[in-house]
N, C-alpha and C. Protein backbone atom coordinates (compact mmCIF):
# COMPACT_ATOMS: atom_id res chain seq x y z
N MET A 1 0.82 -1.19 0.00
CA MET A 1 0.00 0.00 0.00
C MET A 1 0.87 1.26 0.00
N ILE A 2 2.11 1.10 0.26
CA ILE A 2 2.97 2.27 0.32
C ILE A 2 3.63 2.49 -1.04
N ASN A 3 3.78 3.73 -1.41
CA ASN A 3 4.44 4.11 -2.66
C ASN A 3 5.94 4.14 -2.37
N HIS A 4 6.63 3.07 -2.75
CA HIS A 4 8.04 2.93 -2.40
C HIS A 4 8.92 3.94 -3.14
N LYS A 5 8.54 4.28 -4.35
CA LYS A 5 9.33 5.28 -5.09
C LYS A 5 9.28 6.63 -4.36
N LEU A 6 8.08 7.03 -3.95
CA LEU A 6 7.94 8.28 -3.20
C LEU A 6 8.66 8.18 -1.85
N ALA A 7 8.54 7.02 -1.21
CA ALA A 7 9.21 6.83 0.08
C ALA A 7 10.72 6.99 -0.07
N ASP A 8 11.27 6.47 -1.17
CA ASP A 8 12.70 6.64 -1.44
C ASP A 8 13.04 8.12 -1.63
N GLU A 9 12.20 8.82 -2.43
CA GLU A 9 12.44 10.24 -2.69
C GLU A 9 12.37 11.07 -1.40
N MET A 10 11.47 10.67 -0.50
CA MET A 10 11.28 11.41 0.76
C MET A 10 12.31 11.00 1.81
N GLY A 11 13.08 9.95 1.53
CA GLY A 11 14.11 9.50 2.46
C GLY A 11 13.55 8.79 3.68
N LEU A 12 12.41 8.11 3.53
CA LEU A 12 11.82 7.42 4.66
C LEU A 12 12.62 6.18 5.05
N THR A 13 12.75 5.97 6.33
CA THR A 13 13.47 4.81 6.84
C THR A 13 12.57 3.58 6.75
N THR A 14 13.15 2.42 6.93
CA THR A 14 12.38 1.17 6.95
C THR A 14 11.35 1.22 8.07
N GLY A 15 11.74 1.74 9.22
CA GLY A 15 10.82 1.84 10.34
C GLY A 15 9.63 2.75 10.04
N GLU A 16 9.90 3.88 9.39
CA GLU A 16 8.80 4.79 9.03
C GLU A 16 7.85 4.15 8.03
N ARG A 17 8.41 3.40 7.11
CA ARG A 17 7.58 2.70 6.12
C ARG A 17 6.69 1.65 6.80
N GLU A 18 7.27 0.95 7.77
CA GLU A 18 6.49 -0.06 8.49
C GLU A 18 5.35 0.58 9.28
N VAL A 19 5.63 1.72 9.89
CA VAL A 19 4.58 2.43 10.64
C VAL A 19 3.47 2.89 9.70
N ILE A 20 3.83 3.40 8.53
CA ILE A 20 2.84 3.85 7.55
C ILE A 20 1.98 2.67 7.10
N GLU A 21 2.61 1.56 6.77
CA GLU A 21 1.85 0.38 6.36
C GLU A 21 0.93 -0.12 7.47
N THR A 22 1.43 -0.11 8.69
CA THR A 22 0.61 -0.54 9.84
C THR A 22 -0.57 0.40 10.03
N LEU A 23 -0.35 1.69 9.88
CA LEU A 23 -1.44 2.64 10.05
C LEU A 23 -2.50 2.45 8.97
N HIS A 24 -2.08 2.16 7.75
CA HIS A 24 -3.06 1.86 6.69
C HIS A 24 -3.90 0.64 7.04
N LYS A 25 -3.29 -0.37 7.61
CA LYS A 25 -4.02 -1.58 8.02
C LYS A 25 -5.00 -1.25 9.15
N ILE A 26 -4.55 -0.45 10.10
CA ILE A 26 -5.42 -0.06 11.22
C ILE A 26 -6.63 0.72 10.69
N ILE A 27 -6.41 1.61 9.74
CA ILE A 27 -7.51 2.38 9.16
C ILE A 27 -8.51 1.45 8.48
N SER A 28 -8.01 0.52 7.70
CA SER A 28 -8.89 -0.44 7.02
C SER A 28 -9.70 -1.26 8.02
N ASP A 29 -9.04 -1.75 9.05
CA ASP A 29 -9.73 -2.54 10.08
C ASP A 29 -10.76 -1.70 10.82
N TYR A 30 -10.41 -0.45 11.12
CA TYR A 30 -11.33 0.44 11.81
C TYR A 30 -12.59 0.65 10.97
N GLU A 31 -12.42 0.92 9.67
CA GLU A 31 -13.57 1.14 8.79
C GLU A 31 -14.50 -0.06 8.81
N LYS A 32 -13.94 -1.26 8.68
CA LYS A 32 -14.76 -2.48 8.66
C LYS A 32 -15.50 -2.65 9.99
N CYS A 33 -14.80 -2.48 11.09
CA CYS A 33 -15.42 -2.65 12.41
C CYS A 33 -16.48 -1.58 12.66
N SER A 34 -16.19 -0.35 12.28
CA SER A 34 -17.15 0.73 12.50
C SER A 34 -18.40 0.53 11.66
N LEU A 35 -18.25 0.07 10.43
CA LEU A 35 -19.42 -0.23 9.60
C LEU A 35 -20.22 -1.37 10.21
N LEU A 36 -19.54 -2.39 10.70
CA LEU A 36 -20.20 -3.56 11.27
C LEU A 36 -21.00 -3.20 12.52
N ARG A 37 -20.41 -2.40 13.38
CA ARG A 37 -21.08 -2.10 14.65
C ARG A 37 -21.93 -0.83 14.59
N GLY A 38 -21.98 -0.19 13.44
CA GLY A 38 -22.80 1.01 13.32
C GLY A 38 -22.21 2.20 14.05
N GLY A 39 -20.90 2.33 14.00
CA GLY A 39 -20.23 3.43 14.69
C GLY A 39 -20.70 4.79 14.20
N SER A 40 -20.56 5.79 15.04
CA SER A 40 -21.04 7.12 14.71
C SER A 40 -20.09 7.81 13.74
N LEU A 41 -20.65 8.71 12.96
CA LEU A 41 -19.83 9.50 12.05
C LEU A 41 -18.87 10.40 12.82
N GLU A 42 -19.31 10.89 13.99
CA GLU A 42 -18.46 11.77 14.79
C GLU A 42 -17.20 11.04 15.26
N ASP A 43 -17.39 9.79 15.75
CA ASP A 43 -16.23 9.01 16.19
C ASP A 43 -15.29 8.73 15.01
N ALA A 44 -15.89 8.35 13.88
CA ALA A 44 -15.08 8.05 12.70
C ALA A 44 -14.32 9.28 12.23
N GLU A 45 -14.99 10.43 12.26
CA GLU A 45 -14.34 11.65 11.81
C GLU A 45 -13.13 11.97 12.67
N GLY A 46 -13.28 11.86 13.98
CA GLY A 46 -12.16 12.13 14.87
C GLY A 46 -10.98 11.21 14.65
N PHE A 47 -11.27 9.92 14.59
CA PHE A 47 -10.21 8.93 14.42
C PHE A 47 -9.53 9.05 13.05
N LEU A 48 -10.34 9.09 12.00
CA LEU A 48 -9.77 9.09 10.65
C LEU A 48 -9.06 10.40 10.32
N THR A 49 -9.53 11.51 10.86
CA THR A 49 -8.83 12.78 10.67
C THR A 49 -7.47 12.74 11.37
N ALA A 50 -7.43 12.18 12.56
CA ALA A 50 -6.15 12.03 13.28
C ALA A 50 -5.19 11.15 12.47
N CYS A 51 -5.72 10.11 11.86
CA CYS A 51 -4.88 9.23 11.04
C CYS A 51 -4.33 9.98 9.82
N ASP A 52 -5.17 10.77 9.18
CA ASP A 52 -4.71 11.56 8.03
C ASP A 52 -3.58 12.50 8.44
N TYR A 53 -3.75 13.20 9.56
CA TYR A 53 -2.69 14.10 10.03
C TYR A 53 -1.41 13.33 10.35
N THR A 54 -1.57 12.17 10.97
CA THR A 54 -0.39 11.35 11.32
C THR A 54 0.34 10.90 10.07
N LEU A 55 -0.40 10.48 9.06
CA LEU A 55 0.24 10.06 7.81
C LEU A 55 0.97 11.23 7.14
N GLN A 56 0.36 12.40 7.16
CA GLN A 56 1.03 13.57 6.59
C GLN A 56 2.35 13.84 7.32
N GLU A 57 2.30 13.73 8.63
CA GLU A 57 3.52 13.96 9.41
C GLU A 57 4.58 12.91 9.11
N LEU A 58 4.17 11.63 9.05
CA LEU A 58 5.12 10.56 8.78
C LEU A 58 5.78 10.71 7.40
N TRP A 59 5.01 11.17 6.44
CA TRP A 59 5.53 11.35 5.09
C TRP A 59 6.35 12.62 4.96
N GLY A 60 6.22 13.53 5.92
CA GLY A 60 6.95 14.78 5.83
C GLY A 60 6.21 15.85 5.05
N PHE A 61 4.91 15.65 4.86
CA PHE A 61 4.10 16.65 4.16
C PHE A 61 3.54 17.65 5.16
N PRO A 62 3.19 18.85 4.68
CA PRO A 62 2.52 19.81 5.57
C PRO A 62 1.16 19.23 6.01
N LYS A 63 0.79 19.52 7.23
CA LYS A 63 -0.52 19.07 7.71
C LYS A 63 -1.58 19.96 7.08
N ASP A 64 -2.39 19.37 6.22
CA ASP A 64 -3.38 20.14 5.48
C ASP A 64 -4.63 19.30 5.28
N GLU A 65 -5.72 19.74 5.90
CA GLU A 65 -6.97 18.98 5.89
C GLU A 65 -7.56 18.83 4.48
N LYS A 66 -7.25 19.72 3.56
CA LYS A 66 -7.84 19.60 2.23
C LYS A 66 -7.32 18.38 1.47
N PHE A 67 -6.28 17.75 1.97
CA PHE A 67 -5.77 16.53 1.35
C PHE A 67 -6.24 15.26 2.07
N HIS A 68 -7.08 15.40 3.07
CA HIS A 68 -7.58 14.24 3.80
C HIS A 68 -8.63 13.50 2.98
N THR A 69 -8.58 12.16 3.05
CA THR A 69 -9.52 11.36 2.26
C THR A 69 -10.24 10.28 3.06
N TYR A 70 -9.69 9.84 4.16
CA TYR A 70 -10.24 8.66 4.82
C TYR A 70 -11.66 8.85 5.35
N PHE A 71 -11.95 9.97 5.99
CA PHE A 71 -13.30 10.17 6.52
C PHE A 71 -14.31 10.32 5.39
N ASP A 72 -13.94 11.05 4.36
CA ASP A 72 -14.82 11.22 3.21
C ASP A 72 -15.15 9.87 2.57
N ASN A 73 -14.15 9.02 2.42
CA ASN A 73 -14.38 7.69 1.85
C ASN A 73 -15.24 6.83 2.78
N PHE A 74 -15.04 6.97 4.08
CA PHE A 74 -15.84 6.22 5.05
C PHE A 74 -17.31 6.63 4.95
N LYS A 75 -17.58 7.94 4.92
CA LYS A 75 -18.96 8.42 4.79
C LYS A 75 -19.59 7.88 3.51
N PHE A 76 -18.82 7.85 2.45
CA PHE A 76 -19.31 7.34 1.16
C PHE A 76 -19.72 5.88 1.29
N LYS A 77 -18.84 5.07 1.89
CA LYS A 77 -19.16 3.64 2.07
C LYS A 77 -20.39 3.46 2.95
N LYS A 78 -20.46 4.24 4.02
CA LYS A 78 -21.59 4.12 4.94
C LYS A 78 -22.91 4.42 4.21
N GLU A 79 -22.86 5.32 3.25
CA GLU A 79 -24.04 5.67 2.46
C GLU A 79 -24.45 4.56 1.48
N TRP A 80 -23.48 3.87 0.90
CA TRP A 80 -23.78 2.95 -0.21
C TRP A 80 -23.78 1.47 0.13
N VAL A 81 -22.92 1.01 1.01
CA VAL A 81 -22.79 -0.44 1.26
C VAL A 81 -24.13 -1.02 1.69
N GLY A 82 -24.50 -2.10 1.03
CA GLY A 82 -25.71 -2.84 1.39
C GLY A 82 -26.96 -2.43 0.65
N ARG A 83 -26.93 -1.30 -0.03
CA ARG A 83 -28.12 -0.88 -0.78
C ARG A 83 -28.38 -1.90 -1.88
N THR A 84 -29.64 -2.33 -2.00
CA THR A 84 -30.00 -3.39 -2.92
C THR A 84 -30.94 -2.86 -4.00
N PHE A 85 -30.65 -3.25 -5.23
CA PHE A 85 -31.40 -2.80 -6.39
C PHE A 85 -31.88 -4.00 -7.20
N VAL A 86 -33.00 -3.83 -7.89
CA VAL A 86 -33.50 -4.87 -8.78
C VAL A 86 -33.83 -4.21 -10.12
N SER A 87 -33.48 -4.92 -11.20
CA SER A 87 -33.76 -4.39 -12.54
C SER A 87 -35.10 -4.92 -13.02
N GLY A 88 -35.57 -4.41 -14.14
CA GLY A 88 -36.85 -4.82 -14.70
C GLY A 88 -36.91 -6.30 -15.04
N ASP A 89 -35.76 -6.91 -15.32
CA ASP A 89 -35.74 -8.34 -15.65
C ASP A 89 -35.57 -9.22 -14.40
N GLY A 90 -35.59 -8.60 -13.22
CA GLY A 90 -35.51 -9.36 -11.97
C GLY A 90 -34.12 -9.56 -11.41
N THR A 91 -33.10 -9.06 -12.09
CA THR A 91 -31.73 -9.18 -11.58
C THR A 91 -31.58 -8.31 -10.33
N THR A 92 -31.07 -8.92 -9.26
CA THR A 92 -30.88 -8.21 -8.00
C THR A 92 -29.39 -8.04 -7.75
N PHE A 93 -29.03 -6.87 -7.21
CA PHE A 93 -27.63 -6.58 -6.90
C PHE A 93 -27.56 -5.75 -5.64
N THR A 94 -26.61 -6.11 -4.77
CA THR A 94 -26.35 -5.36 -3.54
C THR A 94 -24.98 -4.71 -3.64
N ILE A 95 -24.92 -3.43 -3.32
CA ILE A 95 -23.65 -2.71 -3.38
C ILE A 95 -22.69 -3.36 -2.38
N PRO A 96 -21.49 -3.77 -2.84
CA PRO A 96 -20.57 -4.54 -1.99
C PRO A 96 -19.79 -3.69 -0.99
N LEU A 97 -19.16 -4.38 -0.06
CA LEU A 97 -18.37 -3.73 0.99
C LEU A 97 -17.18 -2.95 0.45
N ASP A 98 -16.68 -3.35 -0.70
CA ASP A 98 -15.49 -2.69 -1.24
C ASP A 98 -15.83 -1.60 -2.26
N VAL A 99 -17.06 -1.06 -2.20
CA VAL A 99 -17.47 -0.01 -3.13
C VAL A 99 -16.51 1.18 -3.04
N ARG A 100 -16.27 1.77 -4.19
CA ARG A 100 -15.42 2.96 -4.27
C ARG A 100 -16.15 4.02 -5.09
N LYS A 101 -15.74 5.24 -4.90
CA LYS A 101 -16.34 6.33 -5.66
C LYS A 101 -16.21 6.07 -7.16
N ARG A 102 -17.23 6.51 -7.86
CA ARG A 102 -17.30 6.47 -9.33
C ARG A 102 -17.42 5.06 -9.90
N GLU A 103 -17.79 4.10 -9.07
CA GLU A 103 -17.98 2.76 -9.62
C GLU A 103 -19.33 2.67 -10.32
N PHE A 104 -19.35 1.87 -11.35
CA PHE A 104 -20.52 1.69 -12.19
C PHE A 104 -20.88 0.21 -12.18
N TYR A 105 -22.12 -0.10 -11.81
CA TYR A 105 -22.56 -1.49 -11.73
C TYR A 105 -23.69 -1.73 -12.72
N PRO A 106 -23.43 -2.50 -13.79
CA PRO A 106 -24.53 -2.90 -14.66
C PRO A 106 -25.37 -3.94 -13.93
N ILE A 107 -26.68 -3.77 -13.97
CA ILE A 107 -27.59 -4.69 -13.27
C ILE A 107 -28.69 -5.07 -14.25
N GLY A 108 -28.61 -6.27 -14.78
CA GLY A 108 -29.60 -6.67 -15.77
C GLY A 108 -29.65 -5.66 -16.90
N GLU A 109 -30.82 -5.09 -17.11
CA GLU A 109 -31.01 -4.11 -18.18
C GLU A 109 -30.78 -2.67 -17.69
N GLY A 110 -30.35 -2.51 -16.46
CA GLY A 110 -30.14 -1.18 -15.91
C GLY A 110 -28.74 -1.01 -15.35
N PHE A 111 -28.58 0.03 -14.54
CA PHE A 111 -27.26 0.28 -13.94
C PHE A 111 -27.41 1.16 -12.70
N VAL A 112 -26.36 1.13 -11.89
CA VAL A 112 -26.19 2.06 -10.78
C VAL A 112 -24.79 2.65 -10.91
N ASP A 113 -24.73 3.97 -10.92
CA ASP A 113 -23.46 4.70 -10.90
C ASP A 113 -23.42 5.39 -9.54
N VAL A 114 -22.54 4.93 -8.65
CA VAL A 114 -22.55 5.45 -7.28
C VAL A 114 -21.99 6.86 -7.17
N GLY A 115 -21.41 7.35 -8.23
CA GLY A 115 -20.95 8.74 -8.23
C GLY A 115 -19.78 8.98 -7.31
N ASP A 116 -19.69 10.22 -6.84
CA ASP A 116 -18.53 10.62 -6.05
C ASP A 116 -18.90 11.29 -4.74
N GLY A 117 -20.15 11.17 -4.33
CA GLY A 117 -20.60 11.84 -3.12
C GLY A 117 -21.38 13.11 -3.41
N PHE A 118 -21.22 13.65 -4.61
CA PHE A 118 -21.97 14.83 -5.02
C PHE A 118 -23.05 14.48 -6.03
N TYR A 119 -22.88 13.37 -6.72
CA TYR A 119 -23.89 12.92 -7.65
C TYR A 119 -23.95 11.40 -7.59
N SER A 120 -25.05 10.84 -8.02
CA SER A 120 -25.19 9.41 -8.29
C SER A 120 -26.35 9.30 -9.27
N ARG A 121 -26.39 8.20 -9.96
CA ARG A 121 -27.50 8.02 -10.90
C ARG A 121 -27.77 6.54 -11.09
N PHE A 122 -29.00 6.23 -11.36
CA PHE A 122 -29.36 4.87 -11.72
C PHE A 122 -30.48 4.92 -12.74
N SER A 123 -30.55 3.88 -13.54
CA SER A 123 -31.57 3.81 -14.57
C SER A 123 -31.94 2.35 -14.79
N GLY A 124 -33.22 2.11 -14.98
CA GLY A 124 -33.68 0.76 -15.24
C GLY A 124 -33.64 -0.15 -14.03
N VAL A 125 -33.45 0.44 -12.84
CA VAL A 125 -33.43 -0.33 -11.59
C VAL A 125 -34.26 0.40 -10.54
N LYS A 126 -34.66 -0.34 -9.55
CA LYS A 126 -35.40 0.24 -8.42
C LYS A 126 -34.69 -0.20 -7.15
N GLU A 127 -34.53 0.74 -6.22
CA GLU A 127 -33.94 0.37 -4.93
C GLU A 127 -35.01 -0.33 -4.11
N VAL A 128 -34.67 -1.54 -3.62
CA VAL A 128 -35.67 -2.36 -2.93
C VAL A 128 -35.35 -2.60 -1.46
N GLY A 129 -34.26 -2.05 -0.98
CA GLY A 129 -33.93 -2.24 0.43
C GLY A 129 -32.45 -2.09 0.68
N ARG A 130 -32.10 -2.53 1.86
CA ARG A 130 -30.70 -2.42 2.27
C ARG A 130 -30.38 -3.58 3.19
N LYS A 131 -29.29 -4.28 2.88
CA LYS A 131 -28.80 -5.31 3.79
C LYS A 131 -28.05 -4.63 4.92
N SER A 132 -28.16 -5.22 6.09
CA SER A 132 -27.39 -4.68 7.22
C SER A 132 -25.91 -4.97 7.00
N PHE A 133 -25.08 -4.21 7.68
CA PHE A 133 -23.65 -4.46 7.56
C PHE A 133 -23.33 -5.86 8.08
N GLN A 134 -24.05 -6.33 9.10
CA GLN A 134 -23.83 -7.68 9.62
C GLN A 134 -24.11 -8.71 8.54
N GLU A 135 -25.21 -8.55 7.79
CA GLU A 135 -25.52 -9.48 6.70
C GLU A 135 -24.42 -9.45 5.65
N MET A 136 -23.90 -8.26 5.37
CA MET A 136 -22.84 -8.14 4.37
C MET A 136 -21.59 -8.89 4.81
N PHE A 137 -21.24 -8.80 6.10
CA PHE A 137 -20.07 -9.51 6.60
C PHE A 137 -20.32 -11.01 6.65
N ASP A 138 -21.54 -11.39 7.02
CA ASP A 138 -21.87 -12.81 7.12
C ASP A 138 -21.85 -13.50 5.77
N THR A 139 -22.11 -12.77 4.68
CA THR A 139 -22.07 -13.38 3.35
C THR A 139 -20.65 -13.46 2.81
N LYS A 140 -19.71 -12.96 3.59
CA LYS A 140 -18.30 -13.04 3.24
C LYS A 140 -18.00 -12.45 1.86
N GLN A 141 -18.58 -11.28 1.60
CA GLN A 141 -18.26 -10.59 0.36
C GLN A 141 -16.81 -10.12 0.46
N PRO A 142 -16.14 -10.03 -0.68
CA PRO A 142 -14.76 -9.56 -0.62
C PRO A 142 -14.67 -8.15 -0.07
N VAL A 143 -13.72 -7.95 0.81
CA VAL A 143 -13.48 -6.64 1.41
C VAL A 143 -12.03 -6.27 1.14
N GLN A 144 -11.82 -5.04 0.67
CA GLN A 144 -10.45 -4.60 0.41
C GLN A 144 -10.00 -3.68 1.50
């Protein structure tokens, strides 16, 4: 998950690289656990913002909130994961745990474009419900 070329250019030590990789794993685990237990957005914002600042410091970048991404991505996942759609031909699809911004899902004769948080669109499908995060984990869908 670490950009080794950039790490070389920034002069990061092996120890710093290991800390960065560990922090990325902690962030991923936190997101999964928070989605599973229905954690609050406020708690997630505090934790993930602190992680973004820590990563900026470890990389030697200026601390700048406009470059933070983890909380925004978490809010996006919380909005989309588990939403279930059905197309006119009866094809059913549930947005997976590893959804990312701008993903496009063809569903039977229709589609869902999850957009980027400012827009989304679907056509030829109807939203029919939402699976709980527990159901999503229990079905062992791939998680990145």
